[in-house]
Amino acid sequence: MLQALAAARTAGAEGEVPVGAALVRDGAVIALAANAPRTLHDPTAHAEMRVIRDGARRLGRDRLEDCDLWVTLEPCAMCAGAIAHARIARLYYGAPDPKGGAVEHGPRFFAQPTCHHRPEVYGGIGEAEAAALLRGFFAERR
């Protein structure tokens, strides 16, 4: 989570919503990414999407069933869908997102009967620092 938080800080410094993600396999980080929708002019360039794409490319496969995803914010519906399709084994996230999250809030994506893969989910990892980054980022813009 420390590396994901560092990526989130980088995103915030670049004017992006400060969210970072790390893809881990066998205890080693194989991909690290930060939010970049504005920078890349790509609404799908969330940290989770970018790290899943990079990890799949590096491993040369679309199934990441032996990987864990660490992300600083509860994933949205788009990212939860990608996590399920990638068959991520475990999801660790920092701050909850009552407005846009889709894991423990909103549609509760992994609880839906149409969801074909449900990772183990662990929330609140590094929550205080992740939430503080987000609060600070949005406070500066108000």
N, C-alpha and C. Protein backbone atom coordinates (compact mmCIF):
# COMPACT_ATOMS: atom_id res chain seq x y z
N MET A 1 0.84 -1.20 0.00
CA MET A 1 0.00 0.00 0.00
C MET A 1 0.87 1.25 0.00
N LEU A 2 2.05 1.15 0.58
CA LEU A 2 2.93 2.33 0.60
C LEU A 2 3.27 2.81 -0.80
N GLN A 3 3.51 1.88 -1.71
CA GLN A 3 3.82 2.27 -3.09
C GLN A 3 2.58 2.85 -3.79
N ALA A 4 1.42 2.30 -3.51
CA ALA A 4 0.18 2.84 -4.09
C ALA A 4 -0.06 4.26 -3.57
N LEU A 5 0.20 4.49 -2.29
CA LEU A 5 0.04 5.82 -1.72
C LEU A 5 1.03 6.81 -2.35
N ALA A 6 2.24 6.36 -2.61
CA ALA A 6 3.23 7.22 -3.28
C ALA A 6 2.75 7.58 -4.68
N ALA A 7 2.18 6.61 -5.40
CA ALA A 7 1.64 6.89 -6.73
C ALA A 7 0.48 7.86 -6.65
N ALA A 8 -0.34 7.73 -5.60
CA ALA A 8 -1.47 8.67 -5.41
C ALA A 8 -0.96 10.08 -5.18
N ARG A 9 0.09 10.22 -4.39
CA ARG A 9 0.67 11.55 -4.15
C ARG A 9 1.17 12.15 -5.47
N THR A 10 1.80 11.34 -6.30
CA THR A 10 2.27 11.79 -7.60
C THR A 10 1.11 12.27 -8.47
N ALA A 11 0.02 11.49 -8.48
CA ALA A 11 -1.15 11.88 -9.26
C ALA A 11 -1.68 13.23 -8.78
N GLY A 12 -1.80 13.42 -7.48
CA GLY A 12 -2.29 14.68 -6.93
C GLY A 12 -1.40 15.85 -7.31
N ALA A 13 -0.10 15.63 -7.28
CA ALA A 13 0.84 16.69 -7.64
C ALA A 13 0.72 17.08 -9.12
N GLU A 14 0.23 16.15 -9.93
CA GLU A 14 0.06 16.41 -11.37
C GLU A 14 -1.35 16.89 -11.71
N GLY A 15 -2.15 17.16 -10.67
CA GLY A 15 -3.49 17.67 -10.90
C GLY A 15 -4.56 16.61 -11.11
N GLU A 16 -4.19 15.36 -10.94
CA GLU A 16 -5.15 14.25 -11.05
C GLU A 16 -5.70 13.94 -9.66
N VAL A 17 -6.88 13.34 -9.60
CA VAL A 17 -7.41 12.88 -8.32
C VAL A 17 -6.40 11.89 -7.76
N PRO A 18 -5.95 12.08 -6.52
CA PRO A 18 -4.86 11.27 -5.97
C PRO A 18 -5.26 9.84 -5.61
N VAL A 19 -5.22 8.99 -6.61
CA VAL A 19 -5.46 7.56 -6.42
C VAL A 19 -4.30 6.82 -7.06
N GLY A 20 -3.80 5.82 -6.34
CA GLY A 20 -2.71 5.01 -6.84
C GLY A 20 -3.03 3.54 -6.65
N ALA A 21 -2.38 2.69 -7.45
CA ALA A 21 -2.62 1.26 -7.38
C ALA A 21 -1.33 0.50 -7.64
N ALA A 22 -1.23 -0.67 -7.00
CA ALA A 22 -0.10 -1.57 -7.20
C ALA A 22 -0.63 -2.97 -7.43
N LEU A 23 -0.07 -3.66 -8.41
CA LEU A 23 -0.40 -5.05 -8.67
C LEU A 23 0.76 -5.90 -8.15
N VAL A 24 0.44 -6.86 -7.29
CA VAL A 24 1.46 -7.64 -6.61
C VAL A 24 1.29 -9.12 -6.93
N ARG A 25 2.40 -9.76 -7.22
CA ARG A 25 2.42 -11.21 -7.48
C ARG A 25 3.58 -11.81 -6.70
N ASP A 26 3.30 -12.81 -5.92
CA ASP A 26 4.32 -13.48 -5.10
C ASP A 26 5.12 -12.49 -4.26
N GLY A 27 4.44 -11.48 -3.73
CA GLY A 27 5.07 -10.51 -2.84
C GLY A 27 5.86 -9.41 -3.54
N ALA A 28 5.89 -9.42 -4.86
CA ALA A 28 6.63 -8.40 -5.61
C ALA A 28 5.67 -7.53 -6.41
N VAL A 29 5.93 -6.22 -6.42
CA VAL A 29 5.12 -5.31 -7.22
C VAL A 29 5.51 -5.49 -8.69
N ILE A 30 4.53 -5.87 -9.51
CA ILE A 30 4.82 -6.06 -10.93
C ILE A 30 4.32 -4.89 -11.77
N ALA A 31 3.44 -4.07 -11.19
CA ALA A 31 2.96 -2.88 -11.91
C ALA A 31 2.49 -1.86 -10.88
N LEU A 32 2.73 -0.60 -11.19
CA LEU A 32 2.36 0.51 -10.32
C LEU A 32 1.79 1.61 -11.20
N ALA A 33 0.68 2.21 -10.78
CA ALA A 33 0.08 3.26 -11.61
C ALA A 33 -0.66 4.26 -10.75
N ALA A 34 -0.86 5.44 -11.32
CA ALA A 34 -1.62 6.51 -10.69
C ALA A 34 -2.75 6.91 -11.63
N ASN A 35 -3.77 7.53 -11.07
CA ASN A 35 -4.85 8.09 -11.89
C ASN A 35 -4.26 9.02 -12.95
N ALA A 36 -4.79 8.96 -14.17
CA ALA A 36 -4.31 9.85 -15.23
C ALA A 36 -5.35 10.14 -16.30
N PRO A 37 -6.66 10.21 -15.98
CA PRO A 37 -7.63 10.48 -17.04
C PRO A 37 -7.44 11.84 -17.72
N ARG A 38 -7.09 12.85 -16.96
CA ARG A 38 -6.92 14.18 -17.55
C ARG A 38 -5.64 14.25 -18.37
N THR A 39 -4.57 13.74 -17.82
CA THR A 39 -3.29 13.75 -18.50
C THR A 39 -3.34 12.97 -19.82
N LEU A 40 -3.97 11.80 -19.79
CA LEU A 40 -4.01 10.94 -20.96
C LEU A 40 -5.24 11.18 -21.84
N HIS A 41 -6.12 12.09 -21.40
CA HIS A 41 -7.37 12.35 -22.13
C HIS A 41 -8.12 11.03 -22.34
N ASP A 42 -8.24 10.27 -21.24
CA ASP A 42 -8.84 8.94 -21.29
C ASP A 42 -9.66 8.72 -20.03
N PRO A 43 -10.97 8.73 -20.13
CA PRO A 43 -11.80 8.56 -18.94
C PRO A 43 -11.65 7.20 -18.27
N THR A 44 -11.04 6.23 -18.95
CA THR A 44 -10.81 4.92 -18.34
C THR A 44 -9.44 4.80 -17.68
N ALA A 45 -8.66 5.85 -17.65
CA ALA A 45 -7.29 5.79 -17.12
C ALA A 45 -7.26 5.91 -15.60
N HIS A 46 -8.15 5.19 -14.93
CA HIS A 46 -8.09 5.10 -13.47
C HIS A 46 -6.86 4.27 -13.10
N ALA A 47 -6.35 4.48 -11.90
CA ALA A 47 -5.15 3.77 -11.46
C ALA A 47 -5.32 2.25 -11.58
N GLU A 48 -6.49 1.74 -11.19
CA GLU A 48 -6.72 0.29 -11.25
C GLU A 48 -6.67 -0.22 -12.69
N MET A 49 -7.32 0.49 -13.59
CA MET A 49 -7.34 0.07 -15.00
C MET A 49 -5.92 0.07 -15.58
N ARG A 50 -5.18 1.10 -15.27
CA ARG A 50 -3.82 1.22 -15.80
C ARG A 50 -2.92 0.12 -15.26
N VAL A 51 -3.04 -0.19 -13.96
CA VAL A 51 -2.16 -1.20 -13.37
C VAL A 51 -2.54 -2.61 -13.84
N ILE A 52 -3.83 -2.85 -14.05
CA ILE A 52 -4.26 -4.16 -14.57
C ILE A 52 -3.75 -4.32 -16.00
N ARG A 53 -3.89 -3.29 -16.83
CA ARG A 53 -3.40 -3.37 -18.21
C ARG A 53 -1.90 -3.62 -18.25
N ASP A 54 -1.16 -2.87 -17.44
CA ASP A 54 0.30 -3.01 -17.43
C ASP A 54 0.71 -4.39 -16.92
N GLY A 55 0.07 -4.84 -15.84
CA GLY A 55 0.40 -6.16 -15.30
C GLY A 55 0.10 -7.28 -16.28
N ALA A 56 -1.05 -7.22 -16.94
CA ALA A 56 -1.41 -8.24 -17.92
C ALA A 56 -0.41 -8.25 -19.09
N ARG A 57 -0.03 -7.07 -19.52
CA ARG A 57 0.95 -6.95 -20.60
C ARG A 57 2.30 -7.55 -20.17
N ARG A 58 2.74 -7.22 -18.96
CA ARG A 58 4.03 -7.73 -18.48
C ARG A 58 4.03 -9.25 -18.32
N LEU A 59 2.89 -9.79 -17.85
CA LEU A 59 2.80 -11.23 -17.65
C LEU A 59 2.42 -11.97 -18.92
N GLY A 60 1.94 -11.23 -19.93
CA GLY A 60 1.59 -11.84 -21.19
C GLY A 60 0.31 -12.67 -21.13
N ARG A 61 -0.63 -12.25 -20.28
CA ARG A 61 -1.89 -12.97 -20.16
C ARG A 61 -2.98 -12.07 -19.61
N ASP A 62 -4.22 -12.44 -19.86
CA ASP A 62 -5.34 -11.62 -19.40
C ASP A 62 -5.86 -12.03 -18.03
N ARG A 63 -5.54 -13.22 -17.57
CA ARG A 63 -5.98 -13.70 -16.26
C ARG A 63 -4.88 -13.46 -15.23
N LEU A 64 -5.23 -12.75 -14.19
CA LEU A 64 -4.26 -12.39 -13.15
C LEU A 64 -4.66 -13.04 -11.82
N GLU A 65 -5.07 -14.31 -11.89
CA GLU A 65 -5.61 -14.99 -10.72
C GLU A 65 -4.60 -15.20 -9.59
N ASP A 66 -3.34 -15.03 -9.87
CA ASP A 66 -2.32 -15.17 -8.82
C ASP A 66 -1.79 -13.79 -8.37
N CYS A 67 -2.57 -12.75 -8.63
CA CYS A 67 -2.16 -11.39 -8.29
C CYS A 67 -3.11 -10.74 -7.29
N ASP A 68 -2.57 -9.81 -6.53
CA ASP A 68 -3.34 -9.00 -5.60
C ASP A 68 -3.29 -7.55 -6.08
N LEU A 69 -4.39 -6.85 -5.89
CA LEU A 69 -4.47 -5.45 -6.26
C LEU A 69 -4.59 -4.60 -5.00
N TRP A 70 -3.70 -3.64 -4.88
CA TRP A 70 -3.71 -2.69 -3.77
C TRP A 70 -4.06 -1.33 -4.36
N VAL A 71 -5.11 -0.69 -3.86
CA VAL A 71 -5.53 0.61 -4.40
C VAL A 71 -5.93 1.51 -3.24
N THR A 72 -5.68 2.79 -3.38
CA THR A 72 -5.89 3.72 -2.28
C THR A 72 -7.34 4.12 -2.06
N LEU A 73 -8.22 3.85 -3.03
CA LEU A 73 -9.63 4.23 -2.93
C LEU A 73 -10.50 3.06 -3.38
N GLU A 74 -11.63 2.90 -2.73
CA GLU A 74 -12.59 1.86 -3.13
C GLU A 74 -12.87 1.97 -4.63
N PRO A 75 -12.71 0.90 -5.39
CA PRO A 75 -12.92 0.95 -6.83
C PRO A 75 -14.35 1.29 -7.24
N CYS A 76 -14.46 1.97 -8.38
CA CYS A 76 -15.75 2.29 -8.98
C CYS A 76 -16.26 1.05 -9.73
N ALA A 77 -17.45 1.16 -10.32
CA ALA A 77 -18.05 0.03 -11.03
C ALA A 77 -17.18 -0.42 -12.22
N MET A 78 -16.63 0.54 -12.97
CA MET A 78 -15.78 0.20 -14.11
C MET A 78 -14.58 -0.63 -13.66
N CYS A 79 -13.92 -0.16 -12.61
CA CYS A 79 -12.73 -0.84 -12.13
C CYS A 79 -13.06 -2.18 -11.48
N ALA A 80 -14.18 -2.25 -10.77
CA ALA A 80 -14.61 -3.52 -10.18
C ALA A 80 -14.85 -4.55 -11.28
N GLY A 81 -15.46 -4.12 -12.39
CA GLY A 81 -15.66 -5.02 -13.52
C GLY A 81 -14.35 -5.53 -14.08
N ALA A 82 -13.38 -4.65 -14.20
CA ALA A 82 -12.06 -5.06 -14.71
C ALA A 82 -11.38 -6.02 -13.74
N ILE A 83 -11.53 -5.77 -12.45
CA ILE A 83 -10.95 -6.66 -11.43
C ILE A 83 -11.55 -8.05 -11.57
N ALA A 84 -12.87 -8.13 -11.75
CA ALA A 84 -13.53 -9.43 -11.91
C ALA A 84 -13.07 -10.11 -13.19
N HIS A 85 -13.04 -9.38 -14.30
CA HIS A 85 -12.63 -9.98 -15.58
C HIS A 85 -11.18 -10.45 -15.53
N ALA A 86 -10.33 -9.75 -14.81
CA ALA A 86 -8.92 -10.13 -14.70
C ALA A 86 -8.71 -11.28 -13.71
N ARG A 87 -9.74 -11.59 -12.96
CA ARG A 87 -9.69 -12.67 -11.96
C ARG A 87 -8.67 -12.40 -10.87
N ILE A 88 -8.58 -11.13 -10.46
CA ILE A 88 -7.67 -10.74 -9.37
C ILE A 88 -8.03 -11.56 -8.12
N ALA A 89 -7.03 -12.09 -7.44
CA ALA A 89 -7.28 -12.95 -6.27
C ALA A 89 -7.78 -12.15 -5.07
N ARG A 90 -7.08 -11.08 -4.74
CA ARG A 90 -7.40 -10.28 -3.56
C ARG A 90 -7.34 -8.80 -3.88
N LEU A 91 -8.30 -8.06 -3.33
CA LEU A 91 -8.35 -6.61 -3.47
C LEU A 91 -8.17 -5.99 -2.10
N TYR A 92 -7.18 -5.13 -1.97
CA TYR A 92 -6.94 -4.36 -0.75
C TYR A 92 -7.15 -2.89 -1.11
N TYR A 93 -8.00 -2.20 -0.39
CA TYR A 93 -8.18 -0.78 -0.70
C TYR A 93 -8.14 0.05 0.57
N GLY A 94 -7.81 1.34 0.38
CA GLY A 94 -7.67 2.26 1.50
C GLY A 94 -8.97 2.90 1.90
N ALA A 95 -9.26 4.05 1.34
CA ALA A 95 -10.43 4.84 1.73
C ALA A 95 -11.71 4.32 1.08
N PRO A 96 -12.79 4.29 1.84
CA PRO A 96 -14.08 3.95 1.23
C PRO A 96 -14.55 5.12 0.38
N ASP A 97 -15.43 4.83 -0.58
CA ASP A 97 -15.97 5.88 -1.45
C ASP A 97 -17.49 5.74 -1.49
N PRO A 98 -18.18 6.34 -0.51
CA PRO A 98 -19.64 6.21 -0.44
C PRO A 98 -20.36 6.75 -1.68
N LYS A 99 -19.76 7.70 -2.37
CA LYS A 99 -20.40 8.31 -3.54
C LYS A 99 -20.14 7.53 -4.83
N GLY A 100 -18.90 7.12 -5.07
CA GLY A 100 -18.56 6.50 -6.34
C GLY A 100 -18.07 5.07 -6.25
N GLY A 101 -17.91 4.56 -5.04
CA GLY A 101 -17.42 3.19 -4.88
C GLY A 101 -18.46 2.16 -5.29
N ALA A 102 -17.97 0.99 -5.67
CA ALA A 102 -18.88 -0.06 -6.12
C ALA A 102 -18.58 -1.41 -5.48
N VAL A 103 -17.77 -1.40 -4.43
CA VAL A 103 -17.43 -2.65 -3.76
C VAL A 103 -18.28 -2.80 -2.50
N GLU A 104 -18.17 -1.86 -1.60
CA GLU A 104 -18.99 -1.89 -0.38
C GLU A 104 -20.08 -0.83 -0.41
N HIS A 105 -20.10 -0.03 -1.44
CA HIS A 105 -21.10 1.02 -1.62
C HIS A 105 -21.74 0.86 -2.99
N GLY A 106 -22.74 1.69 -3.26
CA GLY A 106 -23.37 1.69 -4.58
C GLY A 106 -23.83 0.31 -5.01
N PRO A 107 -23.42 -0.13 -6.19
CA PRO A 107 -23.94 -1.39 -6.73
C PRO A 107 -23.38 -2.65 -6.05
N ARG A 108 -22.38 -2.51 -5.21
CA ARG A 108 -21.76 -3.69 -4.57
C ARG A 108 -21.52 -4.78 -5.61
N PHE A 109 -20.70 -4.42 -6.55
CA PHE A 109 -20.48 -5.20 -7.77
C PHE A 109 -20.22 -6.69 -7.51
N PHE A 110 -19.34 -7.00 -6.58
CA PHE A 110 -18.95 -8.40 -6.38
C PHE A 110 -20.05 -9.23 -5.72
N ALA A 111 -21.05 -8.58 -5.17
CA ALA A 111 -22.17 -9.30 -4.55
C ALA A 111 -23.28 -9.62 -5.55
N GLN A 112 -23.16 -9.12 -6.76
CA GLN A 112 -24.21 -9.34 -7.76
C GLN A 112 -24.14 -10.77 -8.31
N PRO A 113 -25.29 -11.40 -8.54
CA PRO A 113 -25.28 -12.77 -9.06
C PRO A 113 -24.67 -12.89 -10.45
N THR A 114 -24.61 -11.80 -11.20
CA THR A 114 -24.03 -11.83 -12.54
C THR A 114 -22.51 -11.67 -12.53
N CYS A 115 -21.93 -11.43 -11.37
CA CYS A 115 -20.47 -11.30 -11.25
C CYS A 115 -19.86 -12.71 -11.26
N HIS A 116 -19.00 -12.97 -12.22
CA HIS A 116 -18.43 -14.30 -12.40
C HIS A 116 -17.22 -14.59 -11.53
N HIS A 117 -16.60 -13.57 -11.01
CA HIS A 117 -15.44 -13.77 -10.13
C HIS A 117 -15.49 -12.75 -9.01
N ARG A 118 -15.28 -13.22 -7.80
CA ARG A 118 -15.29 -12.36 -6.62
C ARG A 118 -13.95 -12.47 -5.91
N PRO A 119 -13.16 -11.41 -5.92
CA PRO A 119 -11.90 -11.46 -5.18
C PRO A 119 -12.17 -11.40 -3.67
N GLU A 120 -11.21 -11.82 -2.90
CA GLU A 120 -11.27 -11.54 -1.47
C GLU A 120 -11.10 -10.03 -1.35
N VAL A 121 -11.85 -9.38 -0.47
CA VAL A 121 -11.80 -7.92 -0.36
C VAL A 121 -11.44 -7.53 1.07
N TYR A 122 -10.47 -6.62 1.18
CA TYR A 122 -10.03 -6.09 2.47
C TYR A 122 -9.97 -4.57 2.36
N GLY A 123 -10.86 -3.89 3.04
CA GLY A 123 -10.91 -2.43 3.00
C GLY A 123 -10.25 -1.82 4.21
N GLY A 124 -9.99 -0.53 4.12
CA GLY A 124 -9.45 0.23 5.24
C GLY A 124 -7.95 0.14 5.42
N ILE A 125 -7.23 -0.41 4.47
CA ILE A 125 -5.77 -0.53 4.55
C ILE A 125 -5.17 0.82 4.15
N GLY A 126 -4.53 1.50 5.09
CA GLY A 126 -3.98 2.83 4.80
C GLY A 126 -5.06 3.88 4.62
N GLU A 127 -6.23 3.62 5.19
CA GLU A 127 -7.38 4.50 4.99
C GLU A 127 -7.13 5.94 5.40
N ALA A 128 -6.51 6.16 6.55
CA ALA A 128 -6.31 7.53 7.04
C ALA A 128 -5.49 8.36 6.07
N GLU A 129 -4.38 7.82 5.59
CA GLU A 129 -3.53 8.59 4.67
C GLU A 129 -4.20 8.77 3.31
N ALA A 130 -4.86 7.72 2.82
CA ALA A 130 -5.54 7.83 1.52
C ALA A 130 -6.66 8.87 1.59
N ALA A 131 -7.43 8.85 2.65
CA ALA A 131 -8.53 9.81 2.81
C ALA A 131 -8.00 11.23 2.95
N ALA A 132 -6.90 11.38 3.68
CA ALA A 132 -6.30 12.71 3.86
C ALA A 132 -5.82 13.28 2.52
N LEU A 133 -5.23 12.44 1.68
CA LEU A 133 -4.80 12.90 0.35
C LEU A 133 -5.98 13.40 -0.46
N LEU A 134 -7.06 12.66 -0.43
CA LEU A 134 -8.25 13.05 -1.20
C LEU A 134 -8.88 14.32 -0.64
N ARG A 135 -9.01 14.40 0.68
CA ARG A 135 -9.59 15.61 1.30
C ARG A 135 -8.77 16.83 0.97
N GLY A 136 -7.45 16.72 1.09
CA GLY A 136 -6.56 17.85 0.79
C GLY A 136 -6.65 18.27 -0.66
N PHE A 137 -6.70 17.31 -1.55
CA PHE A 137 -6.79 17.59 -2.99
C PHE A 137 -8.06 18.38 -3.30
N PHE A 138 -9.20 17.93 -2.80
CA PHE A 138 -10.46 18.60 -3.12
C PHE A 138 -10.63 19.91 -2.34
N ALA A 139 -10.04 20.02 -1.16
CA ALA A 139 -10.10 21.27 -0.41
C ALA A 139 -9.38 22.39 -1.16
N GLU A 140 -8.28 22.07 -1.80
CA GLU A 140 -7.51 23.05 -2.57
C GLU A 140 -8.30 23.56 -3.77
N ARG A 141 -9.22 22.76 -4.28
CA ARG A 141 -9.96 23.14 -5.48
C ARG A 141 -11.27 23.83 -5.20
N ARG A 142 -11.63 23.94 -3.94
CA ARG A 142 -12.90 24.60 -3.59
C ARG A 142 -12.70 26.05 -3.31
